[in-house]
Structures are given as C-alpha cells and as structure tokens.
C-alpha cells in the first residue's frame, strides 16, 4: 500500500515534472489559498482545475442554487444537485476529486459587507461572477490589499480574460473605468453562453492562477485576451502601463469596497418586495426600456408603459416554485421585484436579467 507521501507524489507527478513547476512549485501550490468568487460556469472550470492541480485551500463563494439551465456549461454539477446551493454542491464534488485539500463553501452574496472577512487569508482572487458590480468589488479588494485578481467573462460566443497584478499591471478600472449602465449590455441569461467559450476562459484563468501561486509572475500575459469563438476571432490587446488617474489603482479610491458605488438592495417592509437601486455614481436615465423588454421576452411577459418597464417572470426562470415574480424597472435602473422579500434572491435575479 502506498504511503501518504507516495500518494502525494504520484497524484501530482505529471505536473511536478514540468520544468516550470517542479517540486518547489508543487509545494507552493499545496500551501496556497485561492478565493473563487462565483462557482457558476467560469468558477466551476477554475475550481476543478485548481483542485486537481493541488491548490491547498479553495474558498468558494456563491449566492445561487443549481438550476437545470446551469448544466449546459457549469461542469461541477449534475441533475442530483438541482435546488442545492452552488457553493455546497461544488464543494462536495471537489472533495470527491481531491480529499487532500481544504475546501470552504460559503453560500452568501459577496458584498462590501463581507468581502474583506471572506478574503482575509486568500493569496489570490478569481472572478467567477455574473455581474459587473461584484467584479469591480473584487478589483477594489485586490488592489487595496495587493493581491492578484484574475478576471474572466463570457457572454454569448464572446470571451475575455485579464490578469491584474496590483502595482504592476493595469487594473480592471484602468481598462473599463466604470461599469456599463444597468440594462445596457446582454447577460448570460438574456444572450446565452457557448459552453466551450467558458472552458477556454476558465483554462486561461486557471493557468494564470497556477503561474501566480508558483511565483512565475514573469510568465503572466499582461494583455487583455478577447475572442469570438463563433466568428473565429482571437486577439490580445496591449494595455500599456497603469493609468495614473485610474480611480482605483491610481488614486486609490475604492468606491465598490467601501460601499460608495454599486447597487443597493433592501426589502420593502410589508410588501413582499425588494428594491434594487444602482449606486450613486451609476449612469442615470440610460436604460433602453424597449430594448430590454424585447430581451426579457423569452423569460416572461413584459411591456413598457408610462416610461416604466413592467412585467412578470415565468416561474421556471426565477429559481423558485413559490409563485410569480413581478418586476417594475425605472429609467434610472432602479427596480422593484415583487413576490419575494429575500434580498439575495432579488439581487441574483437583477444581475441575471438586467446586468450591473
């Protein structure tokens, strides 16, 4: 019977014999802690890769449950997981893959209220989120604490990836200073997702994480990767140097981490409703309500009347069988979701179908 050391040596043998990793790099991985914010499509791909690579501790944070529509692209889940919290279902699957690492599952909304506590001992932050607000929060957290942040995104057939090394490379806000206005860009739930695009971006994110955690910072691609897999277009954008006037890494103003930006959500007393309001610095009056109503049509019945978008989601698109969820959306991006008093659920629905 193999000893524990022999098992460890055998498990990572093909990785250890890579000249750029070796025994020293493997030991660094085993002693590392990666925080993956969101274990949907990208988070699933990255979490499995890092689990198999032997990253010693993985913290998984996600506010959602597993839905049938997830199974097309979210590789950690199966039909038996439907209705379970994604963080816990992912942790169970990863524990079955590698019992020699520590996996923490946190079924919470990742916000400015808990971000620093959750990330306290993490060496690296990895983006598996489904909305711009949380991405910018992760970017703030990374820059303020000096920890790397590995960004990735996929919508439709388009993919994007960027690695942020605070103080060395441009941060997310150097490239995209502000999130797009709510409702102005497609989301995965309104535009769809090509599964293989997820795997490509997840592979790039995982590789960047392994390089960073083994100390191979010089091997990091500092360009922005973009692709459209359906049109066979792949490119790398040279971002140049960090911007001195970047609000985050230049001026060190952490709006999203300190709660001065991003959407606010609160339950409306006695109404079984939740209001979602964009942060104070979000663009105002720029939601194209007619266009958004058209994009929401597959998910319920919506119409624009009196300069408001009103409608009702079909139950199968709102993670619940406890009745219909109605929405009223205002031109400034503010929404009232009726039919729930759960703030996390309302935020999740807003992120999926409205966006930032």
Protein backbone atom coordinates (compact mmCIF):
# COMPACT_ATOMS: atom_id res chain seq x y z
CA UNK A 1 0.00 0.00 0.00
CA UNK A 2 1.28 3.47 -0.87
CA UNK A 3 2.23 5.83 1.93
CA UNK A 4 0.67 9.31 2.08
CA UNK A 5 3.89 10.83 0.69
CA UNK A 6 3.90 8.33 -2.16
CA UNK A 7 0.25 9.06 -2.92
CA UNK A 8 1.02 12.79 -2.94
CA UNK A 9 4.00 12.28 -5.19
CA UNK A 10 2.02 10.11 -7.61
CA UNK A 11 -1.07 12.36 -7.74
CA UNK A 12 0.84 15.40 -8.97
CA UNK A 13 3.60 13.58 -10.84
CA UNK A 14 2.72 14.85 -14.34
CA UNK A 15 2.59 18.38 -13.03
CA UNK A 16 5.73 18.15 -10.91
CA UNK A 17 7.86 17.02 -13.85
CA UNK A 18 7.04 20.21 -15.74
CA UNK A 19 10.29 22.24 -15.57
CA UNK A 20 8.39 25.44 -14.79
CA UNK A 21 6.66 23.92 -11.76
CA UNK A 22 8.79 21.14 -10.29
CA UNK A 23 8.70 20.00 -6.67
CA UNK A 24 9.13 23.53 -5.35
CA UNK A 25 6.22 24.86 -7.37
CA UNK A 26 4.02 21.97 -6.29
CA UNK A 27 4.78 22.68 -2.65
CA UNK A 28 3.85 26.31 -3.21
CA UNK A 29 0.52 25.24 -4.68
CA UNK A 30 -0.17 22.94 -1.74
CA UNK A 31 0.45 25.86 0.63
CA UNK A 32 -1.67 28.34 -1.32
CA UNK A 33 -5.20 29.65 -0.78
CA UNK A 34 -7.38 30.71 -3.72
CA UNK A 35 -10.70 32.53 -3.34
CA UNK A 36 -13.13 31.88 -6.20
CA UNK A 37 -15.99 34.38 -6.21
CA UNK A 38 -18.87 32.69 -8.00
CA UNK A 39 -18.94 28.99 -8.88
CA UNK A 40 -21.14 29.12 -11.92
CA UNK A 41 -19.67 28.42 -15.35
CA UNK A 42 -16.23 30.03 -15.06
CA UNK A 43 -15.99 29.34 -11.34
CA UNK A 44 -16.71 25.65 -11.94
CA UNK A 45 -13.99 25.39 -14.58
CA UNK A 46 -11.38 27.17 -12.48
CA UNK A 47 -12.26 25.43 -9.22
CA UNK A 48 -11.93 21.98 -10.77
CA UNK A 49 -8.59 22.82 -12.41
CA UNK A 50 -7.11 24.23 -9.22
CA UNK A 51 -8.49 21.35 -7.16
CA UNK A 52 -6.83 18.82 -9.46
CA UNK A 53 -3.63 20.89 -9.50
CA UNK A 54 -3.39 20.64 -5.71
CA UNK A 55 -4.02 24.20 -4.54
CA UNK A 56 -4.14 23.51 -0.83
CA UNK A 57 -7.16 25.59 0.09
CA UNK A 58 -10.07 26.72 -2.04
CA UNK A 59 -12.77 29.07 -0.79
CA UNK A 60 -15.92 29.02 -2.91
CA UNK A 61 -18.46 31.84 -2.60
CA UNK A 62 -21.81 31.86 -4.40
CA UNK A 63 -25.30 33.14 -3.58
CA UNK A 64 -27.24 30.98 -6.05
CA UNK A 65 -28.71 27.50 -6.27
CA UNK A 66 -28.24 24.96 -9.06
CA UNK A 67 -30.80 25.25 -11.86
CA UNK A 68 -31.47 22.97 -14.81
CA UNK A 69 -30.23 25.69 -17.20
CA UNK A 70 -26.81 25.62 -15.49
CA UNK A 71 -26.00 22.07 -16.53
CA UNK A 72 -25.20 23.03 -20.14
CA UNK A 73 -21.99 24.82 -19.09
CA UNK A 74 -21.38 24.55 -15.32
CA UNK A 75 -19.23 21.45 -15.20
CA UNK A 76 -19.24 20.73 -11.46
CA UNK A 77 -22.97 19.99 -11.27
CA UNK A 78 -25.31 17.18 -12.22
CA UNK A 79 -29.07 16.62 -12.08
CA UNK A 80 -28.87 15.37 -8.50
CA UNK A 81 -27.64 18.84 -7.44
CA UNK A 82 -30.71 20.73 -8.68
CA UNK A 83 -32.03 23.03 -5.97
CA UNK A 84 -28.86 22.80 -3.86
CA UNK A 85 -26.68 25.79 -3.01
CA UNK A 86 -23.97 26.01 -5.65
CA UNK A 87 -21.19 26.60 -3.11
CA UNK A 88 -22.03 23.40 -1.22
CA UNK A 89 -22.68 21.28 -4.32
CA UNK A 90 -19.37 22.42 -5.81
CA UNK A 91 -17.50 21.70 -2.58
CA UNK A 92 -18.95 18.19 -2.41
CA UNK A 93 -17.88 17.45 -5.97
CA UNK A 94 -14.38 18.83 -5.46
CA UNK A 95 -13.95 16.88 -2.22
CA UNK A 96 -14.70 13.70 -4.17
CA UNK A 97 -12.00 14.67 -6.69
CA UNK A 98 -9.28 15.56 -4.18
CA UNK A 99 -9.65 14.71 -0.49
CA UNK A 100 -6.17 16.07 0.27
CA UNK A 101 -7.06 19.76 0.08
CA UNK A 102 -9.28 22.04 2.17
CA UNK A 103 -12.45 23.36 0.59
CA UNK A 104 -14.54 26.09 2.23
CA UNK A 105 -18.08 26.62 0.93
CA UNK A 106 -19.77 29.96 1.60
CA UNK A 107 -23.35 30.25 0.34
CA UNK A 108 -23.56 34.02 0.65
CA UNK A 109 -23.80 37.11 -1.50
CA UNK A 110 -20.25 38.53 -1.85
CA UNK A 111 -20.62 42.22 -0.94
CA UNK A 112 -18.64 45.06 0.60
CA UNK A 113 -20.03 43.95 3.96
CA UNK A 114 -18.30 40.56 3.98
CA UNK A 115 -15.65 40.71 1.24
CA UNK A 116 -12.66 41.51 3.44
CA UNK A 117 -13.62 38.91 6.02
CA UNK A 118 -14.07 36.16 3.44
CA UNK A 119 -10.84 37.03 1.61
CA UNK A 120 -8.76 37.56 4.74
CA UNK A 121 -6.22 34.77 4.18
CA UNK A 122 -6.54 34.29 0.41
CA UNK A 123 -3.45 34.65 -1.76
CA UNK A 124 -5.38 35.29 -4.96
CA UNK A 125 -8.88 36.37 -6.04
CA UNK A 126 -10.51 34.69 -9.03
CA UNK A 127 -13.52 36.03 -10.89
CA UNK A 128 -16.37 33.61 -11.47
CA UNK A 129 -19.08 36.25 -11.07
CA UNK A 130 -22.16 37.02 -13.13
CA UNK A 131 -22.28 40.80 -12.72
CA UNK A 132 -20.09 43.89 -13.06
CA UNK A 133 -20.72 45.17 -9.55
CA UNK A 134 -19.07 42.17 -7.90
CA UNK A 135 -16.19 42.21 -10.39
CA UNK A 136 -15.41 45.81 -9.51
CA UNK A 137 -15.66 44.94 -5.83
CA UNK A 138 -13.10 42.15 -6.38
CA UNK A 139 -10.85 44.58 -8.26
CA UNK A 140 -11.05 47.09 -5.38
CA UNK A 141 -10.29 44.36 -2.86
CA UNK A 142 -7.32 43.08 -4.87
CA UNK A 143 -5.74 46.49 -5.39
CA UNK A 144 -6.32 47.69 -1.84
CA UNK A 145 -4.72 44.55 -0.38
CA UNK A 146 -2.02 43.97 -3.01
CA UNK A 147 -3.32 40.54 -4.05
CA UNK A 148 -3.62 39.40 -7.69
CA UNK A 149 -7.04 39.29 -9.33
CA UNK A 150 -7.79 37.01 -12.30
CA UNK A 151 -10.71 38.40 -14.29
CA UNK A 152 -12.74 36.48 -16.85
CA UNK A 153 -16.02 36.89 -18.66
CA UNK A 154 -18.13 35.07 -21.25
CA UNK A 155 -21.41 36.19 -22.84
CA UNK A 156 -22.84 34.60 -25.94
CA UNK A 157 -19.87 33.43 -28.01
CA UNK A 158 -17.56 36.20 -26.79
CA UNK A 159 -14.82 35.73 -24.22
CA UNK A 160 -12.47 37.98 -22.28
CA UNK A 161 -9.68 37.47 -19.75
CA UNK A 162 -7.27 39.75 -17.87
CA UNK A 163 -4.83 39.20 -15.02
CA UNK A 164 -4.35 42.06 -12.57
CA UNK A 165 -1.16 42.26 -10.51
CA UNK A 166 -1.60 45.29 -8.23
CA UNK A 167 1.12 47.89 -8.61
CA UNK A 168 2.48 46.18 -11.72
CA UNK A 169 -0.26 45.80 -14.36
CA UNK A 170 -3.34 47.86 -15.22
CA UNK A 171 -6.31 47.01 -13.03
CA UNK A 172 -9.85 46.42 -14.26
CA UNK A 173 -10.78 50.10 -13.87
CA UNK A 174 -7.75 51.18 -15.90
CA UNK A 175 -9.36 49.28 -18.78
CA UNK A 176 -13.07 49.81 -18.04
CA UNK A 177 -13.28 52.80 -15.73
CA UNK A 178 -16.97 52.39 -14.92
CA UNK A 179 -19.49 49.55 -15.19
CA UNK A 180 -21.94 49.85 -18.08
CA UNK A 181 -25.37 51.28 -17.22
CA UNK A 182 -27.89 48.72 -15.93
CA UNK A 183 -29.74 47.01 -18.76
CA UNK A 184 -27.35 48.29 -21.45
CA UNK A 185 -25.42 45.08 -22.03
CA UNK A 186 -26.52 41.47 -22.57
CA UNK A 187 -26.18 38.96 -19.75
CA UNK A 188 -25.67 35.21 -19.89
CA UNK A 189 -29.35 34.68 -19.18
CA UNK A 190 -30.53 37.04 -21.92
CA UNK A 191 -27.90 36.38 -24.61
CA UNK A 192 -26.93 32.78 -23.86
CA UNK A 193 -23.50 31.21 -23.40
CA UNK A 194 -21.46 28.92 -25.63
CA UNK A 195 -20.12 26.22 -23.31
CA UNK A 196 -16.69 25.80 -24.97
CA UNK A 197 -16.06 29.54 -24.58
CA UNK A 198 -16.34 29.03 -20.83
CA UNK A 199 -13.74 26.26 -20.92
CA UNK A 200 -11.28 28.44 -22.85
CA UNK A 201 -11.52 31.37 -20.45
CA UNK A 202 -11.52 29.03 -17.43
CA UNK A 203 -8.32 27.41 -18.73
CA UNK A 204 -6.68 30.83 -19.13
CA UNK A 205 -7.75 31.88 -15.64
CA UNK A 206 -6.54 28.61 -14.10
CA UNK A 207 -3.19 28.84 -15.85
CA UNK A 208 -2.71 32.42 -14.69
CA UNK A 209 -3.56 31.38 -11.12
CA UNK A 210 -1.06 28.50 -11.19
CA UNK A 211 1.66 30.81 -12.53
CA UNK A 212 0.98 33.38 -9.81
CA UNK A 213 0.79 30.85 -6.99
CA UNK A 214 4.06 29.17 -8.04
CA UNK A 215 5.80 32.55 -8.23
CA UNK A 216 6.13 32.68 -12.02
CA UNK A 217 4.93 36.29 -12.31
CA UNK A 218 7.21 36.90 -15.29
CA UNK A 219 5.21 34.36 -17.31
CA UNK A 220 1.90 36.21 -16.88
CA UNK A 221 0.40 37.60 -20.08
CA UNK A 222 -0.27 41.24 -19.25
CA UNK A 223 -2.51 41.79 -22.26
CA UNK A 224 -6.30 41.65 -22.44
CA UNK A 225 -7.45 38.49 -24.21
CA UNK A 226 -10.61 38.77 -26.29
CA UNK A 227 -12.28 36.28 -28.60
CA UNK A 228 -15.42 35.46 -30.50
CA UNK A 229 -15.38 31.70 -30.91
CA UNK A 230 -18.22 31.59 -33.41
CA UNK A 231 -16.51 34.09 -35.71
CA UNK A 232 -13.06 32.55 -35.11
CA UNK A 233 -11.63 35.84 -33.89
CA UNK A 234 -8.89 35.82 -31.25
CA UNK A 235 -6.84 38.81 -30.18
CA UNK A 236 -4.65 40.24 -27.45
CA UNK A 237 -4.84 43.92 -26.61
CA UNK A 238 -1.70 45.58 -25.27
CA UNK A 239 -2.93 47.75 -22.41
CA UNK A 240 0.32 49.61 -21.80
CA UNK A 241 1.07 50.96 -18.35
CA UNK A 242 -1.23 51.56 -15.42
CA UNK A 243 -3.19 54.81 -15.65
CA UNK A 244 -2.07 57.39 -13.05
CA UNK A 245 -5.62 58.80 -12.96
CA UNK A 246 -7.31 55.41 -12.56
CA UNK A 247 -9.83 55.84 -9.72
CA UNK A 248 -8.77 52.53 -8.18
CA UNK A 249 -5.07 51.76 -8.61
CA UNK A 250 -4.02 55.34 -9.40
CA UNK A 251 -5.98 57.45 -6.95
CA UNK A 252 -6.72 54.54 -4.61
CA UNK A 253 -10.39 55.34 -4.25
CA UNK A 254 -12.18 52.07 -3.51
CA UNK A 255 -15.79 53.00 -4.22
CA UNK A 256 -17.08 49.46 -4.51
CA UNK A 257 -15.24 48.07 -1.49
CA UNK A 258 -16.21 50.98 0.73
CA UNK A 259 -19.85 50.82 -0.29
CA UNK A 260 -19.98 54.14 -2.15
CA UNK A 261 -20.74 52.53 -5.51
CA UNK A 262 -22.68 49.56 -6.79
CA UNK A 263 -26.27 48.55 -6.44
CA UNK A 264 -28.14 48.83 -3.16
CA UNK A 265 -30.87 46.39 -2.23
CA UNK A 266 -33.40 46.49 0.57
CA UNK A 267 -36.57 44.65 1.47
CA UNK A 268 -39.69 46.85 1.43
CA UNK A 269 -41.47 46.38 4.71
CA UNK A 270 -44.87 44.73 4.48
CA UNK A 271 -44.84 44.47 0.70
CA UNK A 272 -43.06 41.15 -0.02
CA UNK A 273 -40.87 43.18 -2.36
CA UNK A 274 -37.24 44.17 -2.74
CA UNK A 275 -35.94 47.38 -4.25
CA UNK A 276 -32.66 47.29 -6.20
CA UNK A 277 -31.10 50.71 -6.83
CA UNK A 278 -27.89 51.46 -8.75
CA UNK A 279 -25.13 53.14 -6.76
CA UNK A 280 -24.79 56.89 -6.60
CA UNK A 281 -22.19 57.02 -9.39
CA UNK A 282 -24.09 54.81 -11.86
CA UNK A 283 -25.16 56.47 -15.13
CA UNK A 284 -28.72 57.79 -14.78
CA UNK A 285 -31.58 57.67 -17.29
CA UNK A 286 -29.81 55.50 -19.82
CA UNK A 287 -31.77 52.25 -19.74
CA UNK A 288 -33.32 51.48 -23.12
CA UNK A 289 -36.56 50.06 -21.76
CA UNK A 290 -37.94 48.95 -25.14
CA UNK A 291 -34.77 47.05 -25.97
CA UNK A 292 -34.67 45.46 -22.53
CA UNK A 293 -38.33 44.41 -22.79
CA UNK A 294 -37.51 42.67 -26.05
CA UNK A 295 -34.55 40.84 -24.48
CA UNK A 296 -36.65 39.77 -21.49
CA UNK A 297 -39.48 38.41 -23.65
CA UNK A 298 -38.29 34.77 -23.55
CA UNK A 299 -38.40 34.82 -19.75
CA UNK A 300 -41.85 36.22 -19.09
CA UNK A 301 -44.33 38.89 -20.11
CA UNK A 302 -43.06 42.47 -20.14
CA UNK A 303 -44.20 45.78 -21.57
CA UNK A 304 -43.17 49.43 -21.45
CA UNK A 305 -45.88 51.84 -20.35
CA UNK A 306 -45.72 55.32 -18.87
CA UNK A 307 -41.92 55.24 -19.12
CA UNK A 308 -41.70 52.15 -16.92
CA UNK A 309 -40.96 48.54 -17.79
CA UNK A 310 -43.39 46.26 -16.05
CA UNK A 311 -43.87 42.54 -16.22
CA UNK A 312 -43.75 39.10 -14.68
CA UNK A 313 -41.12 36.39 -14.92
CA UNK A 314 -42.14 32.83 -15.67
CA UNK A 315 -41.59 30.74 -12.53
CA UNK A 316 -39.01 28.45 -14.17
CA UNK A 317 -36.67 31.42 -14.69
CA UNK A 318 -36.58 32.67 -11.11
CA UNK A 319 -35.18 29.73 -9.10
CA UNK A 320 -38.42 29.16 -7.27
CA UNK A 321 -41.74 27.43 -7.34
CA UNK A 322 -43.27 29.74 -4.75
CA UNK A 323 -45.23 31.95 -7.12
CA UNK A 324 -44.61 34.56 -9.79
CA UNK A 325 -42.02 37.30 -9.52
CA UNK A 326 -43.07 40.69 -10.85
CA UNK A 327 -40.71 43.49 -11.78
CA UNK A 328 -41.05 47.22 -12.28
CA UNK A 329 -37.95 48.85 -13.79
CA UNK A 330 -37.39 52.61 -13.85
CA UNK A 331 -35.34 54.50 -16.48
CA UNK A 332 -32.50 55.09 -13.98
CA UNK A 333 -32.04 51.34 -13.49
CA UNK A 334 -33.93 51.14 -10.21
CA UNK A 335 -36.16 48.07 -9.94
CA UNK A 336 -38.80 46.76 -7.58
CA UNK A 337 -39.12 42.98 -7.54
CA UNK A 338 -42.41 41.84 -6.04
CA UNK A 339 -43.11 38.32 -4.90
CA UNK A 340 -40.07 37.90 -2.66
CA UNK A 341 -38.66 39.52 0.47
CA UNK A 342 -35.28 37.83 0.06
CA UNK A 343 -32.64 40.41 -0.84
CA UNK A 344 -30.10 37.87 -2.10
CA UNK A 345 -32.64 36.29 -4.42
CA UNK A 346 -33.69 39.69 -5.79
CA UNK A 347 -30.09 40.73 -6.37
CA UNK A 348 -29.45 37.48 -8.20
CA UNK A 349 -32.46 37.93 -10.50
CA UNK A 350 -31.48 41.54 -11.18
CA UNK A 351 -27.90 40.56 -12.04
CA UNK A 352 -29.04 37.77 -14.34
CA UNK A 353 -31.57 39.67 -16.39
CA UNK A 354 -30.75 43.37 -16.03
CA UNK A 355 -26.98 43.29 -15.58
CA UNK A 356 -24.80 45.60 -13.49
